[in-house]
Amino acid sequence: MMTVRDLFQKIAVNEDLNFLLTNRIPRLALTRFMGWFSQIKHPWVRDASLAVWKSIAHLDLTEAKKTRFDSLHDCFIRELKPGARHIDMSPDVLTSPCDGIVGAMGRVEQGQVFQAKGFPYSLQDLLGDQASAAHWQDGWYMTIRITSYMYHRFHAPYQGKLKRVQYFSGDTWNVNPIALKRVEKLFCKNERALLETEIGPQAYPVALVPVAAVLVASIRLHALEGLLREVCRGPQDVRCDAAFEKGEELGWFQHGSTILVFVPKSFSFVPGMHEGKVLKMGEALMQLPETSSGA
C-alpha cells in the first residue's frame, strides 16, 4: 500500500506533476490561505497538520528550543536551542546566513547571474536599481535554498550594519530546482527583499536577498517592526543603521524559501564549496579579501 510519504516522493521526482501541482495553482490565494491556516492554535488542527508534515518530510525537531508548539506556524518559525549551531568566528570568514542547500553559484558577469543552467537573470531585474547592482559587478553570488523541513531563520554572516532595505512585492512561484529550470527570471518575479549591509572595519558591501515562495510569502526583520510587506506598503526603500554581530539573528521567513548572497569580487568561496552542498547556519561560506587566493 502506498503511504502519504510515498505519494509525495513520487510527485517530487516527477517533474511535470511536481510543476503542475506546485505552480499551476492560484499561488497567491493559496499562500494567503496557508498563512491564515498555519496560525490556527486549536490543538486538533495543530496536531493533525504537524502529523501530515512529519509524514511527508524528514522533519527533525530535536534541535528546536521549544518542545511544544502553539500552531503549525509556530513550528515553521521555530528557534534553535542555544549552541545548536557552531558559528565560525574566524575573522577571515563570511558564514552561511541560514541552513540550506547550495544552488547556483559563481561570478557575476556583465551584471548577469544564473538561477539554473541556461536560465540567467540580471541584477538590475532582481534589485531594480542599477546603482545597487553595480556594487557586485564581477563579484560572486550564491543561491541557498531552504527546504520546508529546515530551520527557517537567517542570521548575520559577519559583524556589521544593515544600511538599507528594499522590498519588492511579487508572485509566489515555487523555488525548487524543477521550477528554476522552467520559469525564466523566477527570483525577479517573486516577493523579495534586498538587505544591503556593510561588514567589518573595511565596510565591505554584502547583500542578502530573501526570496519568498508559494505558501511562504512574507518576511520579517528584527530591524523593522511587523511584516516587511506591511512595513513597506508605502515607500519600498527603507534606510537604516542597525548594527549586528556575527551569527546574530536578522529575521525569518514566515515559513521558508531562499536566500541569495552577493559579495565583492575580492572575496572567494571557501575550498570545497559546490552546488548541492548542504549547509548549516554559521558554517564557513566565503573568505574575506585578506586571505583570499582566488576561486
C-alpha atoms as a PDB file:
ATOM      1  CA  MET A   1       0.000   0.000   0.000  1.00  0.00           C
ATOM      2  CA  MET A   2       1.322   3.463  -0.944  1.00  0.00           C
ATOM      3  CA  THR A   3       1.872   5.735   2.060  1.00  0.00           C
ATOM      4  CA  VAL A   4       1.448   9.511   2.110  1.00  0.00           C
ATOM      5  CA  ARG A   5       5.243   9.880   2.036  1.00  0.00           C
ATOM      6  CA  ASP A   6       5.486   7.521  -0.952  1.00  0.00           C
ATOM      7  CA  LEU A   7       2.889   9.611  -2.798  1.00  0.00           C
ATOM      8  CA  PHE A   8       4.711  12.878  -2.172  1.00  0.00           C
ATOM      9  CA  GLN A   9       8.066  11.348  -3.105  1.00  0.00           C
ATOM     10  CA  LYS A  10       6.523  10.202  -6.381  1.00  0.00           C
ATOM     11  CA  ILE A  11       5.274  13.728  -7.021  1.00  0.00           C
ATOM     12  CA  ALA A  12       8.681  15.158  -6.099  1.00  0.00           C
ATOM     13  CA  VAL A  13      10.574  13.083  -8.677  1.00  0.00           C
ATOM     14  CA  ASN A  14       8.013  13.507 -11.469  1.00  0.00           C
ATOM     15  CA  GLU A  15       8.963  16.928 -12.792  1.00  0.00           C
ATOM     16  CA  ASP A  16       5.819  17.535 -14.850  1.00  0.00           C
ATOM     17  CA  LEU A  17       3.498  16.563 -11.997  1.00  0.00           C
ATOM     18  CA  ASN A  18       5.559  18.463  -9.427  1.00  0.00           C
ATOM     19  CA  PHE A  19       5.499  21.633 -11.510  1.00  0.00           C
ATOM     20  CA  LEU A  20       1.771  21.272 -12.193  1.00  0.00           C
ATOM     21  CA  LEU A  21       0.790  20.818  -8.556  1.00  0.00           C
ATOM     22  CA  THR A  22       3.097  23.490  -7.099  1.00  0.00           C
ATOM     23  CA  ASN A  23       2.810  26.217  -9.722  1.00  0.00           C
ATOM     24  CA  ARG A  24      -0.326  25.811 -11.870  1.00  0.00           C
ATOM     25  CA  ILE A  25      -2.479  26.734  -8.905  1.00  0.00           C
ATOM     26  CA  PRO A  26      -3.805  30.058  -7.528  1.00  0.00           C
ATOM     27  CA  ARG A  27      -0.450  30.675  -5.837  1.00  0.00           C
ATOM     28  CA  LEU A  28      -1.149  33.990  -4.120  1.00  0.00           C
ATOM     29  CA  ALA A  29      -4.573  32.927  -2.841  1.00  0.00           C
ATOM     30  CA  LEU A  30      -3.240  29.602  -1.584  1.00  0.00           C
ATOM     31  CA  THR A  31      -0.299  31.339   0.086  1.00  0.00           C
ATOM     32  CA  ARG A  32      -2.618  33.768   1.905  1.00  0.00           C
ATOM     33  CA  PHE A  33      -4.828  30.859   2.966  1.00  0.00           C
ATOM     34  CA  MET A  34      -1.836  28.895   4.252  1.00  0.00           C
ATOM     35  CA  GLY A  35      -0.673  31.933   6.192  1.00  0.00           C
ATOM     36  CA  TRP A  36      -4.056  32.045   7.950  1.00  0.00           C
ATOM     37  CA  PHE A  37      -4.466  28.296   8.395  1.00  0.00           C
ATOM     38  CA  SER A  38      -0.975  27.702   9.774  1.00  0.00           C
ATOM     39  CA  GLN A  39      -1.613  30.115  12.646  1.00  0.00           C
ATOM     40  CA  ILE A  40      -4.735  28.358  13.931  1.00  0.00           C
ATOM     41  CA  LYS A  41      -3.964  27.369  17.519  1.00  0.00           C
ATOM     42  CA  HIS A  42      -6.623  24.730  18.009  1.00  0.00           C
ATOM     43  CA  PRO A  43      -4.819  21.543  19.184  1.00  0.00           C
ATOM     44  CA  TRP A  44      -6.668  19.292  16.728  1.00  0.00           C
ATOM     45  CA  VAL A  45      -5.642  21.463  13.773  1.00  0.00           C
ATOM     46  CA  ARG A  46      -2.092  21.843  15.066  1.00  0.00           C
ATOM     47  CA  ASP A  47      -1.578  18.155  15.785  1.00  0.00           C
ATOM     48  CA  ALA A  48      -3.105  16.967  12.503  1.00  0.00           C
ATOM     49  CA  SER A  49      -1.081  19.485  10.490  1.00  0.00           C
ATOM     50  CA  LEU A  50       2.187  18.525  12.178  1.00  0.00           C
ATOM     51  CA  ALA A  51       1.428  14.835  11.694  1.00  0.00           C
ATOM     52  CA  VAL A  52       0.916  15.348   7.946  1.00  0.00           C
ATOM     53  CA  TRP A  53       4.074  17.449   7.704  1.00  0.00           C
ATOM     54  CA  LYS A  54       6.144  14.831   9.520  1.00  0.00           C
ATOM     55  CA  SER A  55       4.727  12.105   7.256  1.00  0.00           C
ATOM     56  CA  ILE A  56       5.969  13.790   4.065  1.00  0.00           C
ATOM     57  CA  ALA A  57       9.227  15.426   5.207  1.00  0.00           C
ATOM     58  CA  HIS A  58      12.250  14.497   7.286  1.00  0.00           C
ATOM     59  CA  LEU A  59      11.297  16.976   9.993  1.00  0.00           C
ATOM     60  CA  ASP A  60      13.816  16.945  12.858  1.00  0.00           C
ATOM     61  CA  LEU A  61      12.698  18.917  15.905  1.00  0.00           C
ATOM     62  CA  THR A  62      15.395  17.680  18.292  1.00  0.00           C
ATOM     63  CA  GLU A  63      17.300  20.966  17.845  1.00  0.00           C
ATOM     64  CA  ALA A  64      14.236  23.140  18.488  1.00  0.00           C
ATOM     65  CA  LYS A  65      14.210  25.423  21.518  1.00  0.00           C
ATOM     66  CA  LYS A  66      10.574  24.525  22.228  1.00  0.00           C
ATOM     67  CA  THR A  67       9.209  21.008  22.589  1.00  0.00           C
ATOM     68  CA  ARG A  68       5.547  22.009  22.184  1.00  0.00           C
ATOM     69  CA  PHE A  69       4.206  24.363  19.534  1.00  0.00           C
ATOM     70  CA  ASP A  70       1.099  26.549  19.587  1.00  0.00           C
ATOM     71  CA  SER A  71       0.405  26.085  15.881  1.00  0.00           C
ATOM     72  CA  LEU A  72       1.852  24.828  12.620  1.00  0.00           C
ATOM     73  CA  HIS A  73       3.225  28.326  12.057  1.00  0.00           C
ATOM     74  CA  ASP A  74       4.886  28.285  15.460  1.00  0.00           C
ATOM     75  CA  CYS A  75       6.770  25.170  14.353  1.00  0.00           C
ATOM     76  CA  PHE A  76       7.674  26.694  10.969  1.00  0.00           C
ATOM     77  CA  ILE A  77       9.412  29.676  12.576  1.00  0.00           C
ATOM     78  CA  ARG A  78      10.936  27.703  15.472  1.00  0.00           C
ATOM     79  CA  GLU A  79      14.086  28.885  17.187  1.00  0.00           C
ATOM     80  CA  LEU A  80      17.029  26.611  17.908  1.00  0.00           C
ATOM     81  CA  LYS A  81      18.391  25.516  21.246  1.00  0.00           C
ATOM     82  CA  PRO A  82      21.392  27.591  22.401  1.00  0.00           C
ATOM     83  CA  GLY A  83      24.531  26.080  20.903  1.00  0.00           C
ATOM     84  CA  ALA A  84      22.665  24.088  18.237  1.00  0.00           C
ATOM     85  CA  ARG A  85      24.769  25.792  15.546  1.00  0.00           C
ATOM     86  CA  HIS A  86      28.503  26.408  15.599  1.00  0.00           C
ATOM     87  CA  ILE A  87      29.307  29.913  14.347  1.00  0.00           C
ATOM     88  CA  ASP A  88      32.722  30.101  12.664  1.00  0.00           C
ATOM     89  CA  MET A  89      34.101  33.229  14.332  1.00  0.00           C
ATOM     90  CA  SER A  90      37.292  33.341  12.250  1.00  0.00           C
ATOM     91  CA  PRO A  91      37.868  36.986  11.251  1.00  0.00           C
ATOM     92  CA  ASP A  92      38.689  35.954   7.677  1.00  0.00           C
ATOM     93  CA  VAL A  93      35.447  34.014   7.103  1.00  0.00           C
ATOM     94  CA  LEU A  94      31.957  35.020   5.983  1.00  0.00           C
ATOM     95  CA  THR A  95      29.478  32.435   7.263  1.00  0.00           C
ATOM     96  CA  SER A  96      26.270  30.989   5.863  1.00  0.00           C
ATOM     97  CA  PRO A  97      23.293  33.106   6.928  1.00  0.00           C
ATOM     98  CA  CYS A  98      20.977  30.089   7.056  1.00  0.00           C
ATOM     99  CA  ASP A  99      20.572  26.351   6.818  1.00  0.00           C
ATOM    100  CA  GLY A 100      20.065  25.303   3.216  1.00  0.00           C
ATOM    101  CA  ILE A 101      21.254  23.639   0.044  1.00  0.00           C
ATOM    102  CA  VAL A 102      23.653  25.431  -2.306  1.00  0.00           C
ATOM    103  CA  GLY A 103      22.078  26.082  -5.681  1.00  0.00           C
ATOM    104  CA  ALA A 104      23.657  28.136  -8.460  1.00  0.00           C
ATOM    105  CA  MET A 105      26.917  29.895  -7.577  1.00  0.00           C
ATOM    106  CA  GLY A 106      29.661  31.708  -9.420  1.00  0.00           C
ATOM    107  CA  ARG A 107      30.837  35.028 -10.817  1.00  0.00           C
ATOM    108  CA  VAL A 108      28.573  37.967 -11.640  1.00  0.00           C
ATOM    109  CA  GLU A 109      29.413  38.609 -15.306  1.00  0.00           C
ATOM    110  CA  GLN A 110      28.199  41.753 -17.066  1.00  0.00           C
ATOM    111  CA  GLY A 111      25.525  42.138 -14.425  1.00  0.00           C
ATOM    112  CA  GLN A 112      24.163  38.653 -15.059  1.00  0.00           C
ATOM    113  CA  VAL A 113      23.836  35.580 -12.835  1.00  0.00           C
ATOM    114  CA  PHE A 114      22.054  32.225 -13.122  1.00  0.00           C
ATOM    115  CA  GLN A 115      19.170  30.645 -11.229  1.00  0.00           C
ATOM    116  CA  ALA A 116      19.857  27.332 -13.030  1.00  0.00           C
ATOM    117  CA  LYS A 117      21.932  26.219 -16.011  1.00  0.00           C
ATOM    118  CA  GLY A 118      20.685  28.085 -19.087  1.00  0.00           C
ATOM    119  CA  PHE A 119      18.407  30.377 -17.062  1.00  0.00           C
ATOM    120  CA  PRO A 120      20.123  33.740 -16.494  1.00  0.00           C
ATOM    121  CA  TYR A 121      18.736  36.876 -14.899  1.00  0.00           C
ATOM    122  CA  SER A 122      20.179  40.344 -14.406  1.00  0.00           C
ATOM    123  CA  LEU A 123      20.930  42.007 -11.103  1.00  0.00           C
ATOM    124  CA  GLN A 124      19.027  45.053 -12.289  1.00  0.00           C
ATOM    125  CA  ASP A 125      15.900  42.939 -12.823  1.00  0.00           C
ATOM    126  CA  LEU A 126      16.371  41.429  -9.374  1.00  0.00           C
ATOM    127  CA  LEU A 127      17.267  44.588  -7.469  1.00  0.00           C
ATOM    128  CA  GLY A 128      15.512  47.220  -9.563  1.00  0.00           C
ATOM    129  CA  ASP A 129      18.359  49.662  -9.125  1.00  0.00           C
ATOM    130  CA  GLN A 130      21.449  49.934 -11.303  1.00  0.00           C
ATOM    131  CA  ALA A 131      23.359  51.646  -8.502  1.00  0.00           C
ATOM    132  CA  SER A 132      22.695  48.704  -6.179  1.00  0.00           C
ATOM    133  CA  ALA A 133      23.607  46.178  -8.851  1.00  0.00           C
ATOM    134  CA  ALA A 134      26.930  47.932  -9.501  1.00  0.00           C
ATOM    135  CA  HIS A 135      28.206  47.034  -6.020  1.00  0.00           C
ATOM    136  CA  TRP A 136      28.527  43.385  -7.028  1.00  0.00           C
ATOM    137  CA  GLN A 137      29.586  43.681 -10.648  1.00  0.00           C
ATOM    138  CA  ASP A 138      32.264  40.993 -11.266  1.00  0.00           C
ATOM    139  CA  GLY A 139      31.640  39.786  -7.710  1.00  0.00           C
ATOM    140  CA  TRP A 140      30.362  36.426  -6.510  1.00  0.00           C
ATOM    141  CA  TYR A 141      26.877  35.111  -5.910  1.00  0.00           C
ATOM    142  CA  MET A 142      25.308  32.066  -4.305  1.00  0.00           C
ATOM    143  CA  THR A 143      21.775  30.712  -4.014  1.00  0.00           C
ATOM    144  CA  ILE A 144      20.891  28.917  -0.759  1.00  0.00           C
ATOM    145  CA  ARG A 145      17.559  27.072  -0.829  1.00  0.00           C
ATOM    146  CA  ILE A 146      15.803  26.426   2.470  1.00  0.00           C
ATOM    147  CA  THR A 147      13.580  23.359   2.203  1.00  0.00           C
ATOM    148  CA  SER A 148      10.275  23.055   4.074  1.00  0.00           C
ATOM    149  CA  TYR A 149      11.650  20.953   6.931  1.00  0.00           C
ATOM    150  CA  MET A 150      14.728  23.104   7.628  1.00  0.00           C
ATOM    151  CA  TYR A 151      15.336  25.853  10.168  1.00  0.00           C
ATOM    152  CA  HIS A 152      13.813  28.997   8.627  1.00  0.00           C
ATOM    153  CA  ARG A 153      15.556  31.898  10.338  1.00  0.00           C
ATOM    154  CA  PHE A 154      18.513  33.779   8.867  1.00  0.00           C
ATOM    155  CA  HIS A 155      21.473  35.354  10.608  1.00  0.00           C
ATOM    156  CA  ALA A 156      24.278  37.846  10.110  1.00  0.00           C
ATOM    157  CA  PRO A 157      27.210  36.297   8.191  1.00  0.00           C
ATOM    158  CA  TYR A 158      29.666  38.765   9.760  1.00  0.00           C
ATOM    159  CA  GLN A 159      29.776  41.709  12.166  1.00  0.00           C
ATOM    160  CA  GLY A 160      28.477  44.902  10.581  1.00  0.00           C
ATOM    161  CA  LYS A 161      25.470  47.106   9.924  1.00  0.00           C
ATOM    162  CA  LEU A 162      22.237  46.838   7.962  1.00  0.00           C
ATOM    163  CA  LYS A 163      22.180  50.058   5.941  1.00  0.00           C
ATOM    164  CA  ARG A 164      19.248  49.713   3.580  1.00  0.00           C
ATOM    165  CA  VAL A 165      16.232  47.504   2.957  1.00  0.00           C
ATOM    166  CA  GLN A 166      14.371  47.445  -0.343  1.00  0.00           C
ATOM    167  CA  TYR A 167      11.146  45.489  -0.594  1.00  0.00           C
ATOM    168  CA  PHE A 168       9.722  44.145  -3.867  1.00  0.00           C
ATOM    169  CA  SER A 169       6.178  42.796  -3.912  1.00  0.00           C
ATOM    170  CA  GLY A 170       5.636  39.942  -6.322  1.00  0.00           C
ATOM    171  CA  ASP A 171       4.419  36.459  -7.115  1.00  0.00           C
ATOM    172  CA  THR A 172       4.959  33.259  -5.141  1.00  0.00           C
ATOM    173  CA  TRP A 173       6.355  30.739  -7.633  1.00  0.00           C
ATOM    174  CA  ASN A 174       7.830  27.602  -6.127  1.00  0.00           C
ATOM    175  CA  VAL A 175      11.625  27.995  -5.930  1.00  0.00           C
ATOM    176  CA  ASN A 176      12.556  24.310  -6.151  1.00  0.00           C
ATOM    177  CA  PRO A 177      15.049  23.159  -8.835  1.00  0.00           C
ATOM    178  CA  ILE A 178      12.222  21.992 -11.120  1.00  0.00           C
ATOM    179  CA  ALA A 179      10.641  25.454 -11.258  1.00  0.00           C
ATOM    180  CA  LEU A 180      14.046  27.170 -11.577  1.00  0.00           C
ATOM    181  CA  LYS A 181      14.642  25.187 -14.793  1.00  0.00           C
ATOM    182  CA  ARG A 182      11.280  26.208 -16.266  1.00  0.00           C
ATOM    183  CA  VAL A 183      10.379  29.731 -15.154  1.00  0.00           C
ATOM    184  CA  GLU A 184      12.625  32.453 -16.567  1.00  0.00           C
ATOM    185  CA  LYS A 185      13.784  35.144 -14.131  1.00  0.00           C
ATOM    186  CA  LEU A 186      11.862  33.443 -11.326  1.00  0.00           C
ATOM    187  CA  PHE A 187      13.630  35.234  -8.477  1.00  0.00           C
ATOM    188  CA  CYS A 188      12.890  38.557 -10.184  1.00  0.00           C
ATOM    189  CA  LYS A 189       9.168  37.747 -10.201  1.00  0.00           C
ATOM    190  CA  ASN A 190       8.711  36.622  -6.597  1.00  0.00           C
ATOM    191  CA  GLU A 191       8.251  38.688  -3.474  1.00  0.00           C
ATOM    192  CA  ARG A 192      11.700  39.515  -2.103  1.00  0.00           C
ATOM    193  CA  ALA A 193      13.791  41.990  -0.146  1.00  0.00           C
ATOM    194  CA  LEU A 194      17.259  43.411  -0.650  1.00  0.00           C
ATOM    195  CA  LEU A 195      19.246  43.740   2.564  1.00  0.00           C
ATOM    196  CA  GLU A 196      22.279  45.926   1.927  1.00  0.00           C
ATOM    197  CA  THR A 197      24.875  45.503   4.654  1.00  0.00           C
ATOM    198  CA  GLU A 198      28.368  46.758   5.373  1.00  0.00           C
ATOM    199  CA  ILE A 199      30.605  44.299   7.198  1.00  0.00           C
ATOM    200  CA  GLY A 200      33.885  44.511   9.067  1.00  0.00           C
ATOM    201  CA  PRO A 201      36.126  47.536   9.651  1.00  0.00           C
ATOM    202  CA  GLN A 202      36.515  47.933   5.874  1.00  0.00           C
ATOM    203  CA  ALA A 203      32.721  48.230   5.424  1.00  0.00           C
ATOM    204  CA  TYR A 204      32.630  45.696   2.595  1.00  0.00           C
ATOM    205  CA  PRO A 205      29.240  45.715   0.845  1.00  0.00           C
ATOM    206  CA  VAL A 206      27.441  42.382   1.180  1.00  0.00           C
ATOM    207  CA  ALA A 207      23.865  41.779   0.062  1.00  0.00           C
ATOM    208  CA  LEU A 208      21.374  39.217   1.298  1.00  0.00           C
ATOM    209  CA  VAL A 209      18.203  38.773  -0.755  1.00  0.00           C
ATOM    210  CA  PRO A 210      15.496  36.689   0.944  1.00  0.00           C
ATOM    211  CA  VAL A 211      13.082  35.425  -1.740  1.00  0.00           C
ATOM    212  CA  ALA A 212       9.597  34.250  -0.761  1.00  0.00           C
ATOM    213  CA  ALA A 213       7.787  31.370  -2.466  1.00  0.00           C
ATOM    214  CA  VAL A 214       4.470  29.536  -2.733  1.00  0.00           C
ATOM    215  CA  LEU A 215       2.921  29.036   0.727  1.00  0.00           C
ATOM    216  CA  VAL A 216       5.795  31.012   2.287  1.00  0.00           C
ATOM    217  CA  ALA A 217       5.418  34.673   1.318  1.00  0.00           C
ATOM    218  CA  SER A 218       6.125  37.447   3.843  1.00  0.00           C
ATOM    219  CA  ILE A 219       9.422  38.207   5.520  1.00  0.00           C
ATOM    220  CA  ARG A 220      10.181  39.621   8.970  1.00  0.00           C
ATOM    221  CA  LEU A 221      13.251  41.597  10.013  1.00  0.00           C
ATOM    222  CA  HIS A 222      14.212  42.477  13.571  1.00  0.00           C
ATOM    223  CA  ALA A 223      15.364  45.898  12.393  1.00  0.00           C
ATOM    224  CA  LEU A 224      11.827  46.713  11.231  1.00  0.00           C
ATOM    225  CA  GLU A 225       8.599  46.144  13.106  1.00  0.00           C
ATOM    226  CA  GLY A 226       5.913  43.948  11.583  1.00  0.00           C
ATOM    227  CA  LEU A 227       5.812  42.023   8.336  1.00  0.00           C
ATOM    228  CA  LEU A 228       8.082  43.553   5.731  1.00  0.00           C
ATOM    229  CA  ARG A 229       5.295  43.713   3.150  1.00  0.00           C
ATOM    230  CA  GLU A 230       3.193  45.725   5.629  1.00  0.00           C
ATOM    231  CA  VAL A 231       6.025  47.993   6.715  1.00  0.00           C
ATOM    232  CA  CYS A 232       6.904  48.759   3.106  1.00  0.00           C
ATOM    233  CA  ARG A 233       3.381  49.134   1.780  1.00  0.00           C
ATOM    234  CA  GLY A 234       4.175  52.778   1.155  1.00  0.00           C
ATOM    235  CA  PRO A 235       7.840  53.622   0.396  1.00  0.00           C
ATOM    236  CA  GLN A 236       9.712  50.495  -0.649  1.00  0.00           C
ATOM    237  CA  ASP A 237      13.138  51.827   0.236  1.00  0.00           C
ATOM    238  CA  VAL A 238      13.974  51.936   3.951  1.00  0.00           C
ATOM    239  CA  ARG A 239      17.253  53.474   5.133  1.00  0.00           C
ATOM    240  CA  CYS A 240      18.538  52.245   8.462  1.00  0.00           C
ATOM    241  CA  ASP A 241      21.684  51.868  10.535  1.00  0.00           C
ATOM    242  CA  ALA A 242      21.123  48.716  12.560  1.00  0.00           C
ATOM    243  CA  ALA A 243      24.276  47.126  13.985  1.00  0.00           C
ATOM    244  CA  PHE A 244      24.584  43.350  14.281  1.00  0.00           C
ATOM    245  CA  GLU A 245      27.127  40.799  15.436  1.00  0.00           C
ATOM    246  CA  LYS A 246      28.268  37.726  13.533  1.00  0.00           C
ATOM    247  CA  GLY A 247      25.683  34.990  13.921  1.00  0.00           C
ATOM    248  CA  GLU A 248      23.023  37.330  15.289  1.00  0.00           C
ATOM    249  CA  GLU A 249      19.513  36.617  14.044  1.00  0.00           C
ATOM    250  CA  LEU A 250      18.392  39.143  11.407  1.00  0.00           C
ATOM    251  CA  GLY A 251      14.911  37.834  10.665  1.00  0.00           C
ATOM    252  CA  TRP A 252      12.886  34.963   9.309  1.00  0.00           C
ATOM    253  CA  PHE A 253      10.522  33.826   6.616  1.00  0.00           C
ATOM    254  CA  GLN A 254       7.002  33.153   7.771  1.00  0.00           C
ATOM    255  CA  HIS A 255       7.700  29.625   6.522  1.00  0.00           C
ATOM    256  CA  GLY A 256      10.901  29.345   4.430  1.00  0.00           C
ATOM    257  CA  SER A 257      12.350  29.828   0.964  1.00  0.00           C
ATOM    258  CA  THR A 258      15.658  31.022  -0.498  1.00  0.00           C
ATOM    259  CA  ILE A 259      18.494  33.420   0.352  1.00  0.00           C
ATOM    260  CA  LEU A 260      20.667  34.922  -2.386  1.00  0.00           C
ATOM    261  CA  VAL A 261      24.116  36.152  -1.289  1.00  0.00           C
ATOM    262  CA  PHE A 262      26.191  38.718  -3.199  1.00  0.00           C
ATOM    263  CA  VAL A 263      29.750  39.753  -2.268  1.00  0.00           C
ATOM    264  CA  PRO A 264      32.520  41.833  -3.903  1.00  0.00           C
ATOM    265  CA  LYS A 265      34.992  40.317  -6.365  1.00  0.00           C
ATOM    266  CA  SER A 266      37.790  40.454  -3.773  1.00  0.00           C
ATOM    267  CA  PHE A 267      36.073  37.671  -1.792  1.00  0.00           C
ATOM    268  CA  SER A 268      36.298  33.972  -2.669  1.00  0.00           C
ATOM    269  CA  PHE A 269      34.450  30.753  -1.898  1.00  0.00           C
ATOM    270  CA  VAL A 270      35.977  28.567   0.780  1.00  0.00           C
ATOM    271  CA  PRO A 271      37.592  25.352  -0.539  1.00  0.00           C
ATOM    272  CA  GLY A 272      35.143  22.536  -1.177  1.00  0.00           C
ATOM    273  CA  MET A 273      32.114  24.740  -1.765  1.00  0.00           C
ATOM    274  CA  HIS A 274      29.925  23.332  -4.553  1.00  0.00           C
ATOM    275  CA  GLU A 275      26.356  23.163  -5.856  1.00  0.00           C
ATOM    276  CA  GLY A 276      24.268  20.683  -3.896  1.00  0.00           C
ATOM    277  CA  LYS A 277      26.255  21.084  -0.679  1.00  0.00           C
ATOM    278  CA  VAL A 278      24.078  21.049   2.446  1.00  0.00           C
ATOM    279  CA  LEU A 279      24.909  23.991   4.715  1.00  0.00           C
ATOM    280  CA  LYS A 280      24.273  24.809   8.334  1.00  0.00           C
ATOM    281  CA  MET A 281      23.873  28.366   9.521  1.00  0.00           C
ATOM    282  CA  GLY A 282      27.240  29.645  10.798  1.00  0.00           C
ATOM    283  CA  GLU A 283      29.318  27.382   8.551  1.00  0.00           C
ATOM    284  CA  ALA A 284      32.204  28.976   6.621  1.00  0.00           C
ATOM    285  CA  LEU A 285      30.948  30.198   3.236  1.00  0.00           C
ATOM    286  CA  MET A 286      33.461  32.671   1.810  1.00  0.00           C
ATOM    287  CA  GLN A 287      36.847  34.118   2.592  1.00  0.00           C
ATOM    288  CA  LEU A 288      37.411  37.827   3.042  1.00  0.00           C
ATOM    289  CA  PRO A 289      39.986  39.576   0.835  1.00  0.00           C
ATOM    290  CA  GLU A 290      42.905  39.488   3.286  1.00  0.00           C
ATOM    291  CA  THR A 291      43.189  35.705   2.936  1.00  0.00           C
ATOM    292  CA  SER A 292      41.560  35.152  -0.459  1.00  0.00           C
ATOM    293  CA  SER A 293      43.732  33.489  -3.033  1.00  0.00           C
ATOM    294  CA  GLY A 294      41.119  33.375  -5.794  1.00  0.00           C
ATOM    295  CA  ALA A 295      38.260  30.985  -6.544  1.00  0.00           C
END
